[in-house]
C-alpha atoms as a PDB file:
ATOM      1  CA  UNK A   1      69.394  52.651 105.428  1.00  0.00           C
ATOM      2  CA  UNK A   2      66.224  50.654 104.751  1.00  0.00           C
ATOM      3  CA  UNK A   3      63.841  51.488 101.932  1.00  0.00           C
ATOM      4  CA  UNK A   4      61.310  53.211 104.203  1.00  0.00           C
ATOM      5  CA  UNK A   5      63.938  55.433 105.784  1.00  0.00           C
ATOM      6  CA  UNK A   6      64.960  56.380 102.236  1.00  0.00           C
ATOM      7  CA  UNK A   7      61.347  57.180 101.327  1.00  0.00           C
ATOM      8  CA  UNK A   8      60.957  59.276 104.463  1.00  0.00           C
ATOM      9  CA  UNK A   9      64.205  61.178 103.831  1.00  0.00           C
ATOM     10  CA  UNK A  10      63.279  61.833 100.195  1.00  0.00           C
ATOM     11  CA  UNK A  11      59.800  63.088 101.192  1.00  0.00           C
ATOM     12  CA  UNK A  12      60.660  64.530 104.618  1.00  0.00           C
ATOM     13  CA  UNK A  13      59.125  67.968 104.065  1.00  0.00           C
ATOM     14  CA  UNK A  14      55.862  66.525 102.741  1.00  0.00           C
ATOM     15  CA  UNK A  15      55.550  63.855 105.435  1.00  0.00           C
ATOM     16  CA  UNK A  16      56.462  66.282 108.223  1.00  0.00           C
ATOM     17  CA  UNK A  17      53.690  68.635 107.045  1.00  0.00           C
ATOM     18  CA  UNK A  18      51.195  65.761 107.315  1.00  0.00           C
ATOM     19  CA  UNK A  19      52.432  64.843 110.797  1.00  0.00           C
ATOM     20  CA  UNK A  20      52.139  68.425 112.032  1.00  0.00           C
ATOM     21  CA  UNK A  21      48.659  68.801 110.565  1.00  0.00           C
ATOM     22  CA  UNK A  22      47.334  65.517 112.006  1.00  0.00           C
ATOM     23  CA  UNK A  23      48.624  66.439 115.473  1.00  0.00           C
ATOM     24  CA  UNK A  24      45.712  68.916 115.558  1.00  0.00           C
ATOM     25  CA  UNK A  25      43.476  65.840 115.910  1.00  0.00           C
ATOM     26  CA  UNK A  26      45.153  64.784 119.164  1.00  0.00           C
ATOM     27  CA  UNK A  27      41.804  65.055 121.005  1.00  0.00           C
ATOM     28  CA  UNK A  28      40.200  62.572 118.587  1.00  0.00           C
ATOM     29  CA  UNK A  29      40.891  59.093 120.035  1.00  0.00           C
ATOM     30  CA  UNK A  30      40.148  57.443 116.704  1.00  0.00           C
ATOM     31  CA  UNK A  31      42.151  59.664 114.332  1.00  0.00           C
ATOM     32  CA  UNK A  32      45.125  60.996 116.288  1.00  0.00           C
ATOM     33  CA  UNK A  33      48.773  60.575 115.225  1.00  0.00           C
ATOM     34  CA  UNK A  34      48.839  57.081 116.770  1.00  0.00           C
ATOM     35  CA  UNK A  35      46.205  55.971 114.248  1.00  0.00           C
ATOM     36  CA  UNK A  36      48.267  57.409 111.406  1.00  0.00           C
ATOM     37  CA  UNK A  37      51.327  55.512 112.638  1.00  0.00           C
ATOM     38  CA  UNK A  38      49.255  52.294 112.812  1.00  0.00           C
ATOM     39  CA  UNK A  39      48.160  52.850 109.188  1.00  0.00           C
ATOM     40  CA  UNK A  40      51.760  53.476 108.064  1.00  0.00           C
ATOM     41  CA  UNK A  41      52.891  50.291 109.829  1.00  0.00           C
ATOM     42  CA  UNK A  42      50.112  48.199 108.292  1.00  0.00           C
ATOM     43  CA  UNK A  43      50.978  49.653 104.863  1.00  0.00           C
ATOM     44  CA  UNK A  44      54.570  48.502 105.360  1.00  0.00           C
ATOM     45  CA  UNK A  45      53.400  45.006 106.301  1.00  0.00           C
ATOM     46  CA  UNK A  46      51.116  44.790 103.279  1.00  0.00           C
ATOM     47  CA  UNK A  47      53.961  45.945 101.042  1.00  0.00           C
ATOM     48  CA  UNK A  48      56.034  42.983 102.244  1.00  0.00           C
ATOM     49  CA  UNK A  49      53.594  40.693 100.414  1.00  0.00           C
ATOM     50  CA  UNK A  50      52.039  42.861  97.709  1.00  0.00           C
ATOM     51  CA  UNK A  51      54.071  44.557  94.965  1.00  0.00           C
ATOM     52  CA  UNK A  52      53.219  48.253  94.696  1.00  0.00           C
ATOM     53  CA  UNK A  53      54.828  51.683  94.638  1.00  0.00           C
ATOM     54  CA  UNK A  54      56.039  51.999  98.227  1.00  0.00           C
ATOM     55  CA  UNK A  55      56.621  55.745  98.013  1.00  0.00           C
ATOM     56  CA  UNK A  56      53.030  56.458  96.969  1.00  0.00           C
ATOM     57  CA  UNK A  57      51.670  54.161  99.681  1.00  0.00           C
ATOM     58  CA  UNK A  58      53.747  55.736 102.451  1.00  0.00           C
ATOM     59  CA  UNK A  59      52.923  59.314 101.437  1.00  0.00           C
ATOM     60  CA  UNK A  60      49.221  58.467 101.165  1.00  0.00           C
ATOM     61  CA  UNK A  61      49.246  56.683 104.533  1.00  0.00           C
ATOM     62  CA  UNK A  62      50.605  59.768 106.269  1.00  0.00           C
ATOM     63  CA  UNK A  63      48.153  62.066 104.475  1.00  0.00           C
ATOM     64  CA  UNK A  64      44.946  59.980 104.473  1.00  0.00           C
ATOM     65  CA  UNK A  65      43.292  61.715 107.468  1.00  0.00           C
ATOM     66  CA  UNK A  66      44.813  65.219 107.254  1.00  0.00           C
ATOM     67  CA  UNK A  67      41.461  66.513 105.970  1.00  0.00           C
ATOM     68  CA  UNK A  68      39.937  65.680 109.358  1.00  0.00           C
ATOM     69  CA  UNK A  69      41.613  68.844 110.624  1.00  0.00           C
ATOM     70  CA  UNK A  70      39.063  70.705 108.471  1.00  0.00           C
ATOM     71  CA  UNK A  71      36.032  68.412 108.278  1.00  0.00           C
ATOM     72  CA  UNK A  72      34.939  64.940 109.286  1.00  0.00           C
ATOM     73  CA  UNK A  73      32.407  64.370 106.513  1.00  0.00           C
ATOM     74  CA  UNK A  74      34.237  64.249 103.209  1.00  0.00           C
ATOM     75  CA  UNK A  75      37.636  64.371 104.865  1.00  0.00           C
ATOM     76  CA  UNK A  76      39.030  62.097 102.141  1.00  0.00           C
ATOM     77  CA  UNK A  77      38.542  64.744  99.457  1.00  0.00           C
ATOM     78  CA  UNK A  78      39.845  67.466 101.764  1.00  0.00           C
ATOM     79  CA  UNK A  79      42.925  65.353 102.569  1.00  0.00           C
ATOM     80  CA  UNK A  80      43.544  64.887  98.851  1.00  0.00           C
ATOM     81  CA  UNK A  81      43.052  68.572  98.105  1.00  0.00           C
ATOM     82  CA  UNK A  82      45.536  69.672 100.780  1.00  0.00           C
ATOM     83  CA  UNK A  83      48.006  66.975  99.696  1.00  0.00           C
ATOM     84  CA  UNK A  84      47.852  68.146  96.055  1.00  0.00           C
ATOM     85  CA  UNK A  85      48.412  71.732  97.144  1.00  0.00           C
ATOM     86  CA  UNK A  86      51.465  70.834  99.247  1.00  0.00           C
ATOM     87  CA  UNK A  87      52.934  68.506  96.606  1.00  0.00           C
ATOM     88  CA  UNK A  88      52.589  71.238  93.982  1.00  0.00           C
ATOM     89  CA  UNK A  89      54.388  73.718  96.259  1.00  0.00           C
ATOM     90  CA  UNK A  90      57.211  71.201  96.745  1.00  0.00           C
ATOM     91  CA  UNK A  91      57.575  70.530  92.999  1.00  0.00           C
ATOM     92  CA  UNK A  92      56.372  66.928  92.709  1.00  0.00           C
ATOM     93  CA  UNK A  93      55.485  65.658  89.227  1.00  0.00           C
ATOM     94  CA  UNK A  94      51.845  65.726  88.154  1.00  0.00           C
ATOM     95  CA  UNK A  95      51.871  61.931  87.813  1.00  0.00           C
ATOM     96  CA  UNK A  96      53.121  61.438  91.373  1.00  0.00           C
ATOM     97  CA  UNK A  97      50.612  63.973  92.695  1.00  0.00           C
ATOM     98  CA  UNK A  98      47.715  62.237  90.949  1.00  0.00           C
ATOM     99  CA  UNK A  99      48.753  58.775  92.162  1.00  0.00           C
ATOM    100  CA  UNK A 100      49.066  59.927  95.792  1.00  0.00           C
ATOM    101  CA  UNK A 101      45.809  61.878  95.509  1.00  0.00           C
ATOM    102  CA  UNK A 102      43.976  58.817  94.170  1.00  0.00           C
ATOM    103  CA  UNK A 103      45.205  56.634  97.041  1.00  0.00           C
ATOM    104  CA  UNK A 104      44.128  59.231  99.612  1.00  0.00           C
ATOM    105  CA  UNK A 105      40.667  60.090  98.304  1.00  0.00           C
ATOM    106  CA  UNK A 106      39.719  56.438  97.849  1.00  0.00           C
ATOM    107  CA  UNK A 107      40.355  55.198 101.390  1.00  0.00           C
ATOM    108  CA  UNK A 108      36.706  55.522 102.455  1.00  0.00           C
ATOM    109  CA  UNK A 109      35.169  52.257 103.667  1.00  0.00           C
ATOM    110  CA  UNK A 110      32.813  51.865 100.700  1.00  0.00           C
ATOM    111  CA  UNK A 111      35.393  52.822  98.058  1.00  0.00           C
ATOM    112  CA  UNK A 112      36.940  50.359  95.680  1.00  0.00           C
ATOM    113  CA  UNK A 113      40.219  52.023  94.686  1.00  0.00           C
ATOM    114  CA  UNK A 114      41.375  51.558  91.102  1.00  0.00           C
ATOM    115  CA  UNK A 115      45.078  51.220  91.984  1.00  0.00           C
ATOM    116  CA  UNK A 116      46.894  48.683  94.121  1.00  0.00           C
ATOM    117  CA  UNK A 117      48.372  51.558  96.124  1.00  0.00           C
ATOM    118  CA  UNK A 118      44.868  52.805  96.883  1.00  0.00           C
ATOM    119  CA  UNK A 119      43.766  49.312  97.892  1.00  0.00           C
ATOM    120  CA  UNK A 120      46.749  48.964 100.227  1.00  0.00           C
ATOM    121  CA  UNK A 121      46.162  52.326 101.928  1.00  0.00           C
ATOM    122  CA  UNK A 122      42.422  51.695 102.223  1.00  0.00           C
ATOM    123  CA  UNK A 123      42.865  48.240 103.736  1.00  0.00           C
ATOM    124  CA  UNK A 124      45.637  49.448 106.065  1.00  0.00           C
ATOM    125  CA  UNK A 125      43.304  52.166 107.337  1.00  0.00           C
ATOM    126  CA  UNK A 126      40.534  49.632 107.898  1.00  0.00           C
ATOM    127  CA  UNK A 127      42.828  47.133 109.655  1.00  0.00           C
ATOM    128  CA  UNK A 128      43.844  50.043 111.871  1.00  0.00           C
ATOM    129  CA  UNK A 129      40.327  49.884 113.326  1.00  0.00           C
ATOM    130  CA  UNK A 130      42.076  47.324 115.492  1.00  0.00           C
ATOM    131  CA  UNK A 131      45.347  49.268 115.663  1.00  0.00           C
ATOM    132  CA  UNK A 132      47.198  49.000 118.969  1.00  0.00           C
ATOM    133  CA  UNK A 133      47.445  52.764 119.488  1.00  0.00           C
ATOM    134  CA  UNK A 134      43.701  53.268 119.062  1.00  0.00           C
ATOM    135  CA  UNK A 135      42.701  50.409 121.378  1.00  0.00           C
ATOM    136  CA  UNK A 136      45.207  51.330 124.045  1.00  0.00           C
ATOM    137  CA  UNK A 137      44.127  54.966 124.123  1.00  0.00           C
ATOM    138  CA  UNK A 138      40.406  54.209 124.112  1.00  0.00           C
ATOM    139  CA  UNK A 139      40.783  51.762 126.997  1.00  0.00           C
ATOM    140  CA  UNK A 140      43.042  54.061 129.015  1.00  0.00           C
ATOM    141  CA  UNK A 141      40.594  56.931 128.610  1.00  0.00           C
ATOM    142  CA  UNK A 142      37.591  54.620 129.056  1.00  0.00           C
ATOM    143  CA  UNK A 143      36.059  55.920 125.857  1.00  0.00           C
ATOM    144  CA  UNK A 144      32.913  54.502 124.374  1.00  0.00           C
ATOM    145  CA  UNK A 145      34.381  54.850 120.881  1.00  0.00           C
ATOM    146  CA  UNK A 146      35.367  51.178 120.896  1.00  0.00           C
ATOM    147  CA  UNK A 147      31.781  50.063 121.477  1.00  0.00           C
ATOM    148  CA  UNK A 148      30.892  51.073 117.910  1.00  0.00           C
ATOM    149  CA  UNK A 149      33.954  49.297 116.536  1.00  0.00           C
ATOM    150  CA  UNK A 150      33.239  46.137 118.539  1.00  0.00           C
ATOM    151  CA  UNK A 151      29.499  46.040 117.846  1.00  0.00           C
ATOM    152  CA  UNK A 152      29.326  47.362 114.282  1.00  0.00           C
ATOM    153  CA  UNK A 153      32.666  47.025 112.499  1.00  0.00           C
ATOM    154  CA  UNK A 154      34.412  43.966 113.922  1.00  0.00           C
ATOM    155  CA  UNK A 155      31.665  41.561 112.832  1.00  0.00           C
ATOM    156  CA  UNK A 156      31.902  42.752 109.201  1.00  0.00           C
ATOM    157  CA  UNK A 157      35.464  44.074 108.927  1.00  0.00           C
ATOM    158  CA  UNK A 158      37.191  40.902 107.763  1.00  0.00           C
ATOM    159  CA  UNK A 159      34.679  39.598 105.239  1.00  0.00           C
ATOM    160  CA  UNK A 160      32.844  42.680 104.011  1.00  0.00           C
ATOM    161  CA  UNK A 161      35.307  45.569 104.283  1.00  0.00           C
ATOM    162  CA  UNK A 162      38.828  44.247 103.726  1.00  0.00           C
ATOM    163  CA  UNK A 163      39.598  43.601 100.058  1.00  0.00           C
ATOM    164  CA  UNK A 164      43.102  42.094 100.044  1.00  0.00           C
ATOM    165  CA  UNK A 165      43.739  38.538 101.259  1.00  0.00           C
ATOM    166  CA  UNK A 166      46.882  39.512 103.141  1.00  0.00           C
ATOM    167  CA  UNK A 167      44.880  42.237 104.920  1.00  0.00           C
ATOM    168  CA  UNK A 168      42.638  39.481 106.251  1.00  0.00           C
ATOM    169  CA  UNK A 169      45.673  37.579 107.521  1.00  0.00           C
ATOM    170  CA  UNK A 170      46.924  40.671 109.376  1.00  0.00           C
ATOM    171  CA  UNK A 171      43.459  41.207 110.810  1.00  0.00           C
ATOM    172  CA  UNK A 172      43.313  37.603 112.041  1.00  0.00           C
ATOM    173  CA  UNK A 173      46.760  37.868 113.580  1.00  0.00           C
ATOM    174  CA  UNK A 174      46.025  41.057 115.516  1.00  0.00           C
ATOM    175  CA  UNK A 175      42.553  39.954 116.545  1.00  0.00           C
ATOM    176  CA  UNK A 176      44.091  36.846 118.053  1.00  0.00           C
ATOM    177  CA  UNK A 177      47.174  38.585 119.472  1.00  0.00           C
ATOM    178  CA  UNK A 178      45.618  41.379 121.461  1.00  0.00           C
ATOM    179  CA  UNK A 179      42.167  42.607 120.427  1.00  0.00           C
ATOM    180  CA  UNK A 180      40.275  39.690 121.982  1.00  0.00           C
ATOM    181  CA  UNK A 181      42.120  40.383 125.233  1.00  0.00           C
ATOM    182  CA  UNK A 182      41.224  44.091 125.049  1.00  0.00           C
ATOM    183  CA  UNK A 183      37.558  43.223 124.484  1.00  0.00           C
ATOM    184  CA  UNK A 184      37.630  41.181 127.709  1.00  0.00           C
ATOM    185  CA  UNK A 185      39.190  44.151 129.569  1.00  0.00           C
ATOM    186  CA  UNK A 186      36.400  46.400 128.270  1.00  0.00           C
ATOM    187  CA  UNK A 187      33.701  43.906 129.316  1.00  0.00           C
ATOM    188  CA  UNK A 188      35.274  43.551 132.772  1.00  0.00           C
ATOM    189  CA  UNK A 189      35.368  47.336 133.239  1.00  0.00           C
ATOM    190  CA  UNK A 190      31.700  47.630 132.241  1.00  0.00           C
ATOM    191  CA  UNK A 191      30.790  44.889 134.690  1.00  0.00           C
ATOM    192  CA  UNK A 192      32.909  46.531 137.419  1.00  0.00           C
ATOM    193  CA  UNK A 193      35.405  43.686 137.675  1.00  0.00           C
ATOM    194  CA  UNK A 194      38.537  45.883 137.497  1.00  0.00           C
END
């Protein structure tokens, strides 16, 4: 069993609650379960290079957008509130609850988290702007949601939004691996070149 399987098994009830709650967002092409999975996967990659509490990072990654099931504006605080409530019900320690809460509520783009776990979750969420699940779904459904990402966020994501150096390396890798190709597909569709 690898470390992440162990973390999942230890926190199965809590993580499964997050998964069920985020499935309500299935109509949101930017924040559906595929986005959450992208964030979890980027967290795991960041943890390969950056020492941090893996359990806190994984829990926070699964829970970071749960508040979107209630509200879009201020969803970070709502996600943290619901997470605290569920962790209390399941008997987690106050210290663990506070650390997970801090990582969740500080994932907003303009936040500068005070913990390394918060920085990892925040950067993973921002790298997931270019997450494979999001891009694939938006292109398949011909959604205009990617226009905002391409025009507004991509030009500033690497230098102005990402905080960790390894996050920038992951961004560069995935931009070069598949995002540039997707951008060409989008341009071709707009120009009618199918």
